[in-house]
Amino acid sequence: MKKILIYFAAGCLGAIVNSLTVWFFGDFGITKAFNVAIAPALTPGWLYPRIVWGGIWGLVFIAPVLNAHPIRKGLLFSLFPTIIQLLVVFPIKAKKGYMGFDLGILTPLFVVFFNMVWGVVTSVAIRSAK
């Protein structure tokens, strides 16, 4: 139970850092400079589900990866939410086209980067909690 709580909490922390990064990139016009329409408002309605899902995704870190450095493990496990975001959420749920291309041609690169932030923060937090 302790392990699950640590992984969930670490995933939530990773999601907070990820969300602040996404918001910062949008608020400061970084995504817009690359013709990507990702610029969310920092509101509880936007933030809360991201934190919960980040915690749920944090549970993938239970899977053993032998001799994996925390950063490598974080980068590897960040691919799971990235794939779901690009192949399920954007095209089916959000109706933003395959891989979110309706938001801009570089959208997948930003999604990969933002999820890498989540993965590394989550992995380092788990390592710090042990």
Protein backbone atom coordinates (compact mmCIF):
# COMPACT_ATOMS: atom_id res chain seq x y z
CA MET A 1 0.00 0.00 0.00
CA LYS A 2 2.84 2.39 0.86
CA LYS A 3 4.38 1.85 -2.58
CA ILE A 4 1.09 2.60 -4.35
CA LEU A 5 0.60 5.78 -2.32
CA ILE A 6 4.13 6.96 -3.11
CA TYR A 7 3.73 6.28 -6.83
CA PHE A 8 0.34 7.98 -6.96
CA ALA A 9 1.56 11.03 -5.04
CA ALA A 10 4.70 11.26 -7.18
CA GLY A 11 2.55 11.08 -10.31
CA CYS A 12 0.41 13.92 -8.92
CA LEU A 13 3.54 15.99 -8.27
CA GLY A 14 4.77 15.25 -11.78
CA ALA A 15 1.39 16.35 -13.13
CA ILE A 16 1.55 19.64 -11.24
CA VAL A 17 5.00 20.41 -12.67
CA ASN A 18 3.86 19.25 -16.12
CA SER A 19 0.73 21.41 -15.94
CA LEU A 20 2.66 24.48 -14.84
CA THR A 21 5.08 23.89 -17.72
CA VAL A 22 2.22 23.60 -20.24
CA TRP A 23 0.60 26.74 -18.82
CA PHE A 24 3.93 28.64 -18.82
CA PHE A 25 4.64 27.72 -22.44
CA GLY A 26 1.16 28.88 -23.43
CA ASP A 27 1.06 32.01 -21.28
CA PHE A 28 4.46 33.21 -22.47
CA GLY A 29 3.65 32.49 -26.12
CA ILE A 30 6.20 29.73 -26.64
CA THR A 31 3.71 27.27 -28.15
CA LYS A 32 2.15 30.05 -30.24
CA ALA A 33 5.60 30.96 -31.61
CA PHE A 34 5.72 27.43 -33.03
CA ASN A 35 2.13 27.66 -34.38
CA VAL A 36 0.80 25.26 -31.75
CA ALA A 37 -2.53 26.18 -30.18
CA ILE A 38 -1.86 24.93 -26.66
CA ALA A 39 -2.33 27.78 -24.19
CA PRO A 40 -4.61 26.71 -21.34
CA ALA A 41 -5.82 28.97 -18.58
CA LEU A 42 -4.53 27.98 -15.16
CA THR A 43 -7.87 27.15 -13.56
CA PRO A 44 -8.93 24.48 -11.06
CA GLY A 45 -11.19 22.90 -13.71
CA TRP A 46 -8.21 22.42 -16.02
CA LEU A 47 -5.68 21.52 -13.32
CA TYR A 48 -7.60 19.06 -11.12
CA PRO A 49 -8.21 16.29 -13.70
CA ARG A 50 -4.60 16.56 -14.87
CA ILE A 51 -3.35 16.00 -11.30
CA VAL A 52 -5.62 12.99 -10.79
CA TRP A 53 -4.64 11.43 -14.12
CA GLY A 54 -0.98 12.15 -13.38
CA GLY A 55 -1.35 10.19 -10.16
CA ILE A 56 -3.05 7.31 -11.93
CA TRP A 57 -0.33 7.27 -14.59
CA GLY A 58 2.24 7.32 -11.78
CA LEU A 59 1.21 3.76 -11.00
CA VAL A 60 2.99 2.55 -14.17
CA PHE A 61 6.22 3.10 -12.25
CA ILE A 62 5.39 -0.04 -10.27
CA ALA A 63 6.61 -2.02 -13.30
CA PRO A 64 10.18 -3.14 -12.70
CA VAL A 65 12.88 -1.82 -15.01
CA LEU A 66 16.20 -3.34 -14.01
CA ASN A 67 19.12 -0.98 -13.47
CA ALA A 68 17.21 1.99 -14.84
CA HIS A 69 18.44 5.41 -13.84
CA PRO A 70 15.47 7.50 -12.59
CA ILE A 71 15.70 9.94 -15.50
CA ARG A 72 15.83 7.15 -18.10
CA LYS A 73 12.94 5.40 -16.36
CA GLY A 74 10.95 8.65 -16.32
CA LEU A 75 11.60 9.24 -20.01
CA LEU A 76 10.62 5.67 -20.84
CA PHE A 77 7.40 5.67 -18.81
CA SER A 78 6.41 9.11 -20.14
CA LEU A 79 5.75 7.37 -23.44
CA PHE A 80 2.61 5.68 -22.06
CA PRO A 81 0.54 8.83 -21.43
CA THR A 82 2.04 10.38 -24.57
CA ILE A 83 0.75 7.57 -26.77
CA ILE A 84 -2.72 7.77 -25.19
CA GLN A 85 -2.80 11.58 -25.55
CA LEU A 86 -1.77 11.49 -29.20
CA LEU A 87 -3.73 8.44 -30.37
CA VAL A 88 -6.85 8.51 -28.17
CA VAL A 89 -7.44 11.81 -26.40
CA PHE A 90 -6.69 14.26 -29.22
CA PRO A 91 -8.34 12.42 -32.11
CA ILE A 92 -11.29 10.79 -30.34
CA LYS A 93 -12.13 12.71 -27.18
CA ALA A 94 -11.01 16.25 -28.08
CA LYS A 95 -11.63 16.00 -31.86
CA LYS A 96 -8.29 17.70 -32.55
CA GLY A 97 -7.24 15.40 -35.37
CA TYR A 98 -4.78 12.55 -35.50
CA MET A 99 -2.01 13.22 -32.96
CA GLY A 100 -3.52 16.67 -32.32
CA PHE A 101 -2.41 18.03 -35.67
CA ASP A 102 -5.41 20.39 -35.70
CA LEU A 103 -3.61 22.26 -32.92
CA GLY A 104 -0.45 22.60 -35.02
CA ILE A 105 1.96 20.38 -36.86
CA LEU A 106 4.46 20.42 -33.96
CA THR A 107 1.87 19.44 -31.36
CA PRO A 108 3.23 15.88 -30.96
CA LEU A 109 6.69 17.23 -30.14
CA PHE A 110 5.30 19.47 -27.41
CA VAL A 111 3.23 16.59 -26.01
CA VAL A 112 6.33 14.39 -25.90
CA PHE A 113 8.29 17.15 -24.15
CA PHE A 114 5.55 17.98 -21.63
CA ASN A 115 5.08 14.32 -20.75
CA MET A 116 8.84 13.88 -20.37
CA VAL A 117 8.67 16.59 -17.71
CA TRP A 118 5.95 14.58 -15.94
CA GLY A 119 7.92 11.33 -16.22
CA VAL A 120 11.21 12.68 -14.94
CA VAL A 121 9.64 14.58 -12.02
CA THR A 122 7.57 11.51 -11.09
CA SER A 123 10.56 9.17 -11.27
CA VAL A 124 12.85 11.46 -9.27
CA ALA A 125 10.11 11.95 -6.64
CA ILE A 126 9.67 8.20 -6.29
CA ARG A 127 13.42 7.73 -5.94
CA SER A 128 13.55 10.49 -3.32
CA ALA A 129 10.73 8.90 -1.32
CA LYS A 130 12.42 5.51 -1.04
